[in-house]
Amino acid sequence: MQKIRPCPWFDDQAREAAEFYVSVFGGDSRVGDVTYSTEATPGRTGTVLTVEFVLAGQEYLALDVGPQFTFDEAVSLSVDCEDQQEVDRLWAKFTEEGEESMCGWLKDKYGLSWQIVPRVLPELIGGPDRARADRVMKALMGMRKLDVQALQSA
């Protein structure tokens, strides 16, 4: 078990969300143990309480304990994408029933915020060439889904 695991809070959708995320990332992703509510825990007895899952080797523990809290953009999951093809694939999967935002951000159908980021971006905005970094940031700020070629051309 890793020392720190993100723990998203769902309202009656934790297992469904974990299965969806695993289907999106594949590879080193899987749904693990599921626990159920008892008379001593929140929720109706017998309903899902927690779902352990792994996405691309990263462990998560989802809570399924009601509508008291909802997701917002204050916390997002950032995905390091190999290339434009991966950016396009993930963007399509997450926005199919979710919603696009700006600068590579989106919300999935459960309301969780994601950043779909091409691996080359830190190189383009880092380093000593501040004029290039400014051009790249200006281009990025006008995008929804990030366009690797447009960023590299900026």
N, C-alpha and C. Protein backbone atom coordinates (compact mmCIF):
# COMPACT_ATOMS: atom_id res chain seq x y z
N MET A 1 0.85 -1.18 0.00
CA MET A 1 0.00 0.00 0.00
C MET A 1 0.89 1.24 0.00
N GLN A 2 0.55 2.20 -0.87
CA GLN A 2 1.33 3.44 -0.88
C GLN A 2 0.92 4.30 0.31
N LYS A 3 1.81 5.16 0.73
CA LYS A 3 1.60 5.95 1.94
C LYS A 3 0.44 6.94 1.80
N ILE A 4 0.31 7.57 0.64
CA ILE A 4 -0.74 8.57 0.43
C ILE A 4 -1.61 8.12 -0.74
N ARG A 5 -2.93 8.05 -0.49
CA ARG A 5 -3.89 7.68 -1.54
C ARG A 5 -4.96 8.76 -1.65
N PRO A 6 -5.22 9.28 -2.84
CA PRO A 6 -6.37 10.16 -3.00
C PRO A 6 -7.65 9.41 -2.64
N CYS A 7 -8.60 10.13 -2.05
CA CYS A 7 -9.82 9.51 -1.57
C CYS A 7 -11.03 10.34 -2.02
N PRO A 8 -11.46 10.17 -3.27
CA PRO A 8 -12.62 10.94 -3.74
C PRO A 8 -13.92 10.44 -3.09
N TRP A 9 -14.84 11.37 -2.87
CA TRP A 9 -16.11 11.11 -2.18
C TRP A 9 -17.22 11.11 -3.23
N PHE A 10 -17.93 10.02 -3.34
CA PHE A 10 -19.01 9.90 -4.32
C PHE A 10 -20.35 9.76 -3.61
N ASP A 11 -21.39 9.99 -4.37
CA ASP A 11 -22.75 9.82 -3.88
C ASP A 11 -23.39 8.68 -4.66
N ASP A 12 -23.24 7.45 -4.14
CA ASP A 12 -23.86 6.27 -4.72
C ASP A 12 -23.30 5.90 -6.10
N GLN A 13 -22.05 6.28 -6.39
CA GLN A 13 -21.46 5.98 -7.70
C GLN A 13 -20.01 5.54 -7.62
N ALA A 14 -19.49 5.26 -6.45
CA ALA A 14 -18.07 4.96 -6.30
C ALA A 14 -17.65 3.74 -7.12
N ARG A 15 -18.40 2.67 -7.02
CA ARG A 15 -18.03 1.46 -7.76
C ARG A 15 -18.13 1.70 -9.27
N GLU A 16 -19.21 2.33 -9.72
CA GLU A 16 -19.39 2.65 -11.13
C GLU A 16 -18.24 3.54 -11.63
N ALA A 17 -17.89 4.56 -10.84
CA ALA A 17 -16.81 5.47 -11.23
C ALA A 17 -15.48 4.72 -11.31
N ALA A 18 -15.18 3.90 -10.31
CA ALA A 18 -13.92 3.14 -10.33
C ALA A 18 -13.85 2.24 -11.55
N GLU A 19 -14.93 1.57 -11.87
CA GLU A 19 -14.96 0.70 -13.05
C GLU A 19 -14.78 1.51 -14.34
N PHE A 20 -15.39 2.68 -14.40
CA PHE A 20 -15.23 3.55 -15.56
C PHE A 20 -13.78 4.00 -15.71
N TYR A 21 -13.19 4.48 -14.62
CA TYR A 21 -11.80 4.95 -14.68
C TYR A 21 -10.85 3.83 -15.10
N VAL A 22 -11.06 2.64 -14.56
CA VAL A 22 -10.23 1.49 -14.92
C VAL A 22 -10.38 1.19 -16.41
N SER A 23 -11.59 1.30 -16.95
CA SER A 23 -11.79 1.04 -18.38
C SER A 23 -11.10 2.09 -19.24
N VAL A 24 -11.02 3.32 -18.75
CA VAL A 24 -10.37 4.40 -19.50
C VAL A 24 -8.86 4.21 -19.53
N PHE A 25 -8.27 3.87 -18.40
CA PHE A 25 -6.81 3.80 -18.32
C PHE A 25 -6.25 2.43 -18.66
N GLY A 26 -6.99 1.36 -18.41
CA GLY A 26 -6.52 0.02 -18.75
C GLY A 26 -5.15 -0.26 -18.14
N GLY A 27 -4.40 -1.17 -18.77
CA GLY A 27 -3.04 -1.47 -18.33
C GLY A 27 -2.95 -1.80 -16.86
N ASP A 28 -2.15 -1.03 -16.14
CA ASP A 28 -1.91 -1.24 -14.72
C ASP A 28 -3.03 -0.59 -13.90
N SER A 29 -4.28 -0.92 -14.23
CA SER A 29 -5.44 -0.36 -13.55
C SER A 29 -6.38 -1.50 -13.20
N ARG A 30 -7.01 -1.40 -12.03
CA ARG A 30 -7.93 -2.46 -11.62
C ARG A 30 -8.77 -1.99 -10.44
N VAL A 31 -9.94 -2.60 -10.30
CA VAL A 31 -10.77 -2.39 -9.12
C VAL A 31 -10.36 -3.44 -8.10
N GLY A 32 -10.19 -3.01 -6.87
CA GLY A 32 -9.78 -3.92 -5.80
C GLY A 32 -10.93 -4.21 -4.85
N ASP A 33 -10.63 -4.19 -3.58
CA ASP A 33 -11.62 -4.54 -2.56
C ASP A 33 -12.76 -3.53 -2.48
N VAL A 34 -13.94 -4.04 -2.23
CA VAL A 34 -15.13 -3.23 -2.02
C VAL A 34 -15.65 -3.56 -0.63
N THR A 35 -15.92 -2.54 0.18
CA THR A 35 -16.55 -2.77 1.48
C THR A 35 -17.97 -2.25 1.44
N TYR A 36 -18.79 -2.75 2.35
CA TYR A 36 -20.21 -2.42 2.36
C TYR A 36 -20.61 -1.85 3.71
N SER A 37 -21.61 -0.98 3.68
CA SER A 37 -22.11 -0.36 4.90
C SER A 37 -22.77 -1.39 5.80
N THR A 38 -22.61 -1.16 7.09
CA THR A 38 -23.27 -1.98 8.10
C THR A 38 -24.13 -1.05 8.95
N GLU A 39 -24.72 -1.58 9.97
CA GLU A 39 -25.50 -0.73 10.86
C GLU A 39 -24.62 0.30 11.57
N ALA A 40 -23.34 0.05 11.66
CA ALA A 40 -22.42 0.94 12.37
C ALA A 40 -21.77 1.99 11.48
N THR A 41 -22.03 1.95 10.18
CA THR A 41 -21.36 2.87 9.25
C THR A 41 -22.38 3.78 8.57
N PRO A 42 -21.89 4.83 7.91
CA PRO A 42 -22.81 5.69 7.14
C PRO A 42 -23.43 4.90 6.00
N GLY A 43 -24.58 5.34 5.54
CA GLY A 43 -25.23 4.71 4.40
C GLY A 43 -26.16 3.59 4.81
N ARG A 44 -26.93 3.14 3.82
CA ARG A 44 -27.86 2.02 4.07
C ARG A 44 -27.08 0.72 4.16
N THR A 45 -27.42 -0.09 5.11
CA THR A 45 -26.77 -1.39 5.30
C THR A 45 -26.78 -2.17 3.98
N GLY A 46 -25.60 -2.67 3.61
CA GLY A 46 -25.48 -3.47 2.40
C GLY A 46 -25.08 -2.69 1.16
N THR A 47 -25.09 -1.35 1.23
CA THR A 47 -24.67 -0.56 0.07
C THR A 47 -23.15 -0.37 0.10
N VAL A 48 -22.58 -0.02 -1.03
CA VAL A 48 -21.13 0.19 -1.13
C VAL A 48 -20.71 1.31 -0.19
N LEU A 49 -19.64 1.08 0.55
CA LEU A 49 -19.06 2.09 1.44
C LEU A 49 -17.74 2.60 0.87
N THR A 50 -16.83 1.68 0.50
CA THR A 50 -15.54 2.08 -0.08
C THR A 50 -15.21 1.17 -1.25
N VAL A 51 -14.41 1.72 -2.17
CA VAL A 51 -13.91 0.95 -3.30
C VAL A 51 -12.43 1.29 -3.47
N GLU A 52 -11.59 0.28 -3.37
CA GLU A 52 -10.18 0.47 -3.66
C GLU A 52 -9.97 0.25 -5.15
N PHE A 53 -9.19 1.13 -5.77
CA PHE A 53 -8.88 0.92 -7.18
C PHE A 53 -7.52 1.52 -7.51
N VAL A 54 -6.97 1.07 -8.62
CA VAL A 54 -5.64 1.50 -9.08
C VAL A 54 -5.79 2.01 -10.49
N LEU A 55 -5.24 3.19 -10.76
CA LEU A 55 -5.20 3.75 -12.11
C LEU A 55 -3.75 4.00 -12.50
N ALA A 56 -3.30 3.32 -13.53
CA ALA A 56 -1.92 3.48 -14.01
C ALA A 56 -0.91 3.36 -12.86
N GLY A 57 -1.14 2.41 -11.97
CA GLY A 57 -0.24 2.17 -10.85
C GLY A 57 -0.49 3.01 -9.61
N GLN A 58 -1.35 4.03 -9.68
CA GLN A 58 -1.67 4.92 -8.56
C GLN A 58 -2.88 4.39 -7.81
N GLU A 59 -2.76 4.20 -6.50
CA GLU A 59 -3.86 3.68 -5.69
C GLU A 59 -4.81 4.80 -5.27
N TYR A 60 -6.09 4.46 -5.23
CA TYR A 60 -7.17 5.35 -4.78
C TYR A 60 -8.08 4.57 -3.84
N LEU A 61 -8.77 5.30 -2.99
CA LEU A 61 -9.81 4.73 -2.14
C LEU A 61 -11.02 5.64 -2.28
N ALA A 62 -12.07 5.16 -2.92
CA ALA A 62 -13.28 5.95 -3.11
C ALA A 62 -14.26 5.70 -1.98
N LEU A 63 -14.81 6.77 -1.45
CA LEU A 63 -15.89 6.69 -0.46
C LEU A 63 -17.21 6.84 -1.18
N ASP A 64 -18.22 6.16 -0.70
CA ASP A 64 -19.54 6.24 -1.30
C ASP A 64 -20.55 6.51 -0.20
N VAL A 65 -20.51 7.74 0.34
CA VAL A 65 -21.26 8.00 1.57
C VAL A 65 -22.24 9.17 1.48
N GLY A 66 -22.65 9.55 0.30
CA GLY A 66 -23.75 10.50 0.22
C GLY A 66 -23.42 11.84 -0.38
N PRO A 67 -24.45 12.67 -0.47
CA PRO A 67 -24.35 13.94 -1.20
C PRO A 67 -23.83 15.13 -0.39
N GLN A 68 -23.34 14.89 0.82
CA GLN A 68 -22.94 16.01 1.67
C GLN A 68 -21.83 16.87 1.05
N PHE A 69 -20.93 16.25 0.30
CA PHE A 69 -19.82 16.98 -0.32
C PHE A 69 -19.78 16.67 -1.80
N THR A 70 -19.38 17.65 -2.59
CA THR A 70 -19.26 17.45 -4.03
C THR A 70 -17.89 17.91 -4.50
N PHE A 71 -17.52 17.47 -5.67
CA PHE A 71 -16.23 17.84 -6.25
C PHE A 71 -16.27 19.29 -6.75
N ASP A 72 -15.12 19.94 -6.72
CA ASP A 72 -14.96 21.22 -7.42
C ASP A 72 -13.54 21.29 -7.95
N GLU A 73 -13.23 22.36 -8.65
CA GLU A 73 -11.94 22.48 -9.33
C GLU A 73 -10.77 22.73 -8.38
N ALA A 74 -11.03 22.88 -7.10
CA ALA A 74 -9.93 23.11 -6.16
C ALA A 74 -8.98 21.93 -6.11
N VAL A 75 -9.46 20.75 -6.48
CA VAL A 75 -8.62 19.56 -6.57
C VAL A 75 -8.92 18.89 -7.91
N SER A 76 -7.85 18.56 -8.64
CA SER A 76 -8.02 17.85 -9.91
C SER A 76 -6.95 16.78 -10.01
N LEU A 77 -7.16 15.85 -10.92
CA LEU A 77 -6.17 14.82 -11.20
C LEU A 77 -5.52 15.17 -12.53
N SER A 78 -4.21 15.31 -12.52
CA SER A 78 -3.46 15.68 -13.72
C SER A 78 -2.89 14.42 -14.36
N VAL A 79 -3.14 14.25 -15.65
CA VAL A 79 -2.69 13.06 -16.38
C VAL A 79 -1.58 13.44 -17.34
N ASP A 80 -0.44 12.80 -17.20
CA ASP A 80 0.72 13.00 -18.07
C ASP A 80 0.51 12.17 -19.33
N CYS A 81 0.25 12.84 -20.46
CA CYS A 81 -0.06 12.15 -21.71
C CYS A 81 1.17 12.10 -22.61
N GLU A 82 1.42 10.93 -23.14
CA GLU A 82 2.58 10.68 -24.01
C GLU A 82 2.56 11.56 -25.25
N ASP A 83 1.39 11.73 -25.87
CA ASP A 83 1.32 12.43 -27.16
C ASP A 83 -0.10 12.91 -27.41
N GLN A 84 -0.31 13.53 -28.57
CA GLN A 84 -1.63 14.05 -28.92
C GLN A 84 -2.68 12.95 -28.99
N GLN A 85 -2.28 11.79 -29.45
CA GLN A 85 -3.22 10.67 -29.54
C GLN A 85 -3.79 10.33 -28.16
N GLU A 86 -2.93 10.30 -27.15
CA GLU A 86 -3.42 10.00 -25.81
C GLU A 86 -4.28 11.14 -25.27
N VAL A 87 -3.87 12.38 -25.53
CA VAL A 87 -4.69 13.53 -25.14
C VAL A 87 -6.09 13.40 -25.75
N ASP A 88 -6.15 13.12 -27.05
CA ASP A 88 -7.43 13.01 -27.76
C ASP A 88 -8.29 11.89 -27.19
N ARG A 89 -7.68 10.73 -26.95
CA ARG A 89 -8.41 9.57 -26.45
C ARG A 89 -9.01 9.83 -25.08
N LEU A 90 -8.20 10.36 -24.16
CA LEU A 90 -8.69 10.62 -22.81
C LEU A 90 -9.73 11.74 -22.81
N TRP A 91 -9.48 12.78 -23.60
CA TRP A 91 -10.42 13.90 -23.67
C TRP A 91 -11.79 13.40 -24.14
N ALA A 92 -11.79 12.56 -25.17
CA ALA A 92 -13.04 12.03 -25.71
C ALA A 92 -13.77 11.17 -24.67
N LYS A 93 -13.04 10.31 -23.97
CA LYS A 93 -13.67 9.43 -22.97
C LYS A 93 -14.28 10.24 -21.83
N PHE A 94 -13.52 11.20 -21.32
CA PHE A 94 -14.00 11.95 -20.15
C PHE A 94 -15.08 12.97 -20.48
N THR A 95 -15.05 13.54 -21.68
CA THR A 95 -16.05 14.56 -22.00
C THR A 95 -17.29 13.97 -22.67
N GLU A 96 -17.28 12.68 -22.96
CA GLU A 96 -18.44 12.05 -23.60
C GLU A 96 -19.72 12.36 -22.82
N GLU A 97 -19.66 12.22 -21.51
CA GLU A 97 -20.80 12.59 -20.67
C GLU A 97 -20.41 13.66 -19.65
N GLY A 98 -19.18 14.15 -19.76
CA GLY A 98 -18.70 15.19 -18.86
C GLY A 98 -18.76 16.54 -19.54
N GLU A 99 -17.91 17.46 -19.10
CA GLU A 99 -17.91 18.79 -19.70
C GLU A 99 -16.51 19.34 -19.84
N GLU A 100 -16.27 19.98 -20.97
CA GLU A 100 -14.99 20.62 -21.24
C GLU A 100 -14.86 21.88 -20.40
N SER A 101 -13.62 22.20 -20.08
CA SER A 101 -13.32 23.49 -19.48
C SER A 101 -12.19 24.09 -20.31
N MET A 102 -11.37 24.90 -19.71
CA MET A 102 -10.30 25.59 -20.43
C MET A 102 -8.94 25.00 -20.06
N CYS A 103 -7.97 25.22 -20.94
CA CYS A 103 -6.55 24.94 -20.66
C CYS A 103 -6.27 23.47 -20.34
N GLY A 104 -6.99 22.55 -20.99
CA GLY A 104 -6.75 21.13 -20.75
C GLY A 104 -7.51 20.55 -19.58
N TRP A 105 -8.39 21.34 -18.96
CA TRP A 105 -9.18 20.88 -17.82
C TRP A 105 -10.55 20.42 -18.30
N LEU A 106 -11.12 19.47 -17.57
CA LEU A 106 -12.47 18.99 -17.85
C LEU A 106 -13.04 18.39 -16.58
N LYS A 107 -14.34 18.17 -16.60
CA LYS A 107 -15.01 17.43 -15.52
C LYS A 107 -15.61 16.18 -16.15
N ASP A 108 -15.40 15.05 -15.48
CA ASP A 108 -15.99 13.82 -15.99
C ASP A 108 -17.47 13.75 -15.58
N LYS A 109 -18.13 12.69 -15.96
CA LYS A 109 -19.56 12.55 -15.70
C LYS A 109 -19.91 12.45 -14.22
N TYR A 110 -18.91 12.28 -13.37
CA TYR A 110 -19.13 12.23 -11.92
C TYR A 110 -18.82 13.57 -11.26
N GLY A 111 -18.34 14.54 -12.05
CA GLY A 111 -18.01 15.86 -11.53
C GLY A 111 -16.57 16.02 -11.09
N LEU A 112 -15.75 14.97 -11.22
CA LEU A 112 -14.35 15.04 -10.84
C LEU A 112 -13.56 15.78 -11.92
N SER A 113 -12.70 16.71 -11.50
CA SER A 113 -11.90 17.51 -12.43
C SER A 113 -10.60 16.80 -12.79
N TRP A 114 -10.26 16.86 -14.06
CA TRP A 114 -9.03 16.27 -14.60
C TRP A 114 -8.30 17.32 -15.43
N GLN A 115 -6.98 17.21 -15.44
CA GLN A 115 -6.14 17.98 -16.35
C GLN A 115 -5.51 16.98 -17.30
N ILE A 116 -5.77 17.12 -18.59
CA ILE A 116 -5.23 16.21 -19.60
C ILE A 116 -4.08 16.95 -20.27
N VAL A 117 -2.85 16.60 -19.89
CA VAL A 117 -1.67 17.40 -20.20
C VAL A 117 -0.65 16.62 -21.02
N PRO A 118 -0.26 17.14 -22.18
CA PRO A 118 0.80 16.47 -22.94
C PRO A 118 2.14 16.57 -22.21
N ARG A 119 2.88 15.51 -22.25
CA ARG A 119 4.16 15.41 -21.56
C ARG A 119 5.13 16.55 -21.93
N VAL A 120 5.02 17.06 -23.15
CA VAL A 120 5.94 18.08 -23.64
C VAL A 120 5.68 19.46 -23.02
N LEU A 121 4.53 19.67 -22.41
CA LEU A 121 4.17 21.00 -21.92
C LEU A 121 5.18 21.58 -20.91
N PRO A 122 5.60 20.85 -19.88
CA PRO A 122 6.56 21.45 -18.94
C PRO A 122 7.85 21.93 -19.63
N GLU A 123 8.30 21.20 -20.62
CA GLU A 123 9.49 21.61 -21.36
C GLU A 123 9.23 22.90 -22.13
N LEU A 124 8.04 23.05 -22.69
CA LEU A 124 7.72 24.23 -23.47
C LEU A 124 7.55 25.48 -22.62
N ILE A 125 7.09 25.33 -21.39
CA ILE A 125 6.89 26.51 -20.54
C ILE A 125 8.01 26.70 -19.53
N GLY A 126 8.95 25.76 -19.49
CA GLY A 126 10.08 25.88 -18.57
C GLY A 126 11.32 26.35 -19.31
N GLY A 127 12.41 26.38 -18.61
CA GLY A 127 13.68 26.73 -19.23
C GLY A 127 13.92 28.22 -19.33
N PRO A 128 15.05 28.59 -19.90
CA PRO A 128 15.47 29.98 -19.91
C PRO A 128 14.77 30.87 -20.94
N ASP A 129 14.14 30.30 -21.96
CA ASP A 129 13.51 31.09 -23.02
C ASP A 129 12.12 31.55 -22.56
N ARG A 130 12.08 32.67 -21.85
CA ARG A 130 10.84 33.18 -21.28
C ARG A 130 9.88 33.67 -22.37
N ALA A 131 10.42 34.17 -23.48
CA ALA A 131 9.55 34.63 -24.57
C ALA A 131 8.78 33.43 -25.14
N ARG A 132 9.46 32.30 -25.32
CA ARG A 132 8.79 31.09 -25.81
C ARG A 132 7.74 30.64 -24.80
N ALA A 133 8.11 30.62 -23.53
CA ALA A 133 7.17 30.21 -22.49
C ALA A 133 5.92 31.08 -22.50
N ASP A 134 6.09 32.38 -22.69
CA ASP A 134 4.95 33.29 -22.74
C ASP A 134 4.06 33.01 -23.95
N ARG A 135 4.68 32.73 -25.11
CA ARG A 135 3.89 32.41 -26.30
C ARG A 135 3.11 31.12 -26.11
N VAL A 136 3.76 30.13 -25.51
CA VAL A 136 3.09 28.86 -25.27
C VAL A 136 1.93 29.05 -24.29
N MET A 137 2.16 29.79 -23.22
CA MET A 137 1.09 30.03 -22.24
C MET A 137 -0.07 30.79 -22.86
N LYS A 138 0.22 31.76 -23.71
CA LYS A 138 -0.84 32.51 -24.38
C LYS A 138 -1.65 31.58 -25.27
N ALA A 139 -0.98 30.70 -26.01
CA ALA A 139 -1.69 29.73 -26.85
C ALA A 139 -2.53 28.79 -25.98
N LEU A 140 -1.95 28.29 -24.91
CA LEU A 140 -2.63 27.36 -24.01
C LEU A 140 -3.89 27.99 -23.42
N MET A 141 -3.81 29.24 -23.05
CA MET A 141 -4.94 29.90 -22.40
C MET A 141 -6.15 30.03 -23.32
N GLY A 142 -5.95 29.92 -24.63
CA GLY A 142 -7.06 29.99 -25.58
C GLY A 142 -7.61 28.64 -25.97
N MET A 143 -7.09 27.57 -25.41
CA MET A 143 -7.50 26.22 -25.80
C MET A 143 -8.43 25.61 -24.76
N ARG A 144 -9.22 24.66 -25.21
CA ARG A 144 -9.93 23.77 -24.32
C ARG A 144 -9.08 22.50 -24.24
N LYS A 145 -9.26 21.58 -25.19
CA LYS A 145 -8.36 20.42 -25.28
C LYS A 145 -7.02 20.94 -25.80
N LEU A 146 -5.93 20.49 -25.19
CA LEU A 146 -4.61 20.98 -25.60
C LEU A 146 -4.19 20.36 -26.92
N ASP A 147 -3.61 21.21 -27.77
CA ASP A 147 -3.14 20.84 -29.10
C ASP A 147 -1.62 20.89 -29.09
N VAL A 148 -0.99 19.72 -29.09
CA VAL A 148 0.47 19.64 -28.97
C VAL A 148 1.16 20.40 -30.09
N GLN A 149 0.72 20.21 -31.32
CA GLN A 149 1.36 20.88 -32.45
C GLN A 149 1.25 22.40 -32.33
N ALA A 150 0.10 22.90 -31.95
CA ALA A 150 -0.09 24.35 -31.78
C ALA A 150 0.78 24.88 -30.65
N LEU A 151 0.93 24.12 -29.58
CA LEU A 151 1.78 24.55 -28.47
C LEU A 151 3.24 24.58 -28.90
N GLN A 152 3.67 23.56 -29.65
CA GLN A 152 5.05 23.51 -30.10
C GLN A 152 5.34 24.61 -31.13
N SER A 153 4.34 25.01 -31.88
CA SER A 153 4.52 26.05 -32.89
C SER A 153 4.52 27.45 -32.31
N ALA A 154 4.02 27.60 -31.11
CA ALA A 154 3.86 28.94 -30.50
C ALA A 154 5.20 29.61 -30.24
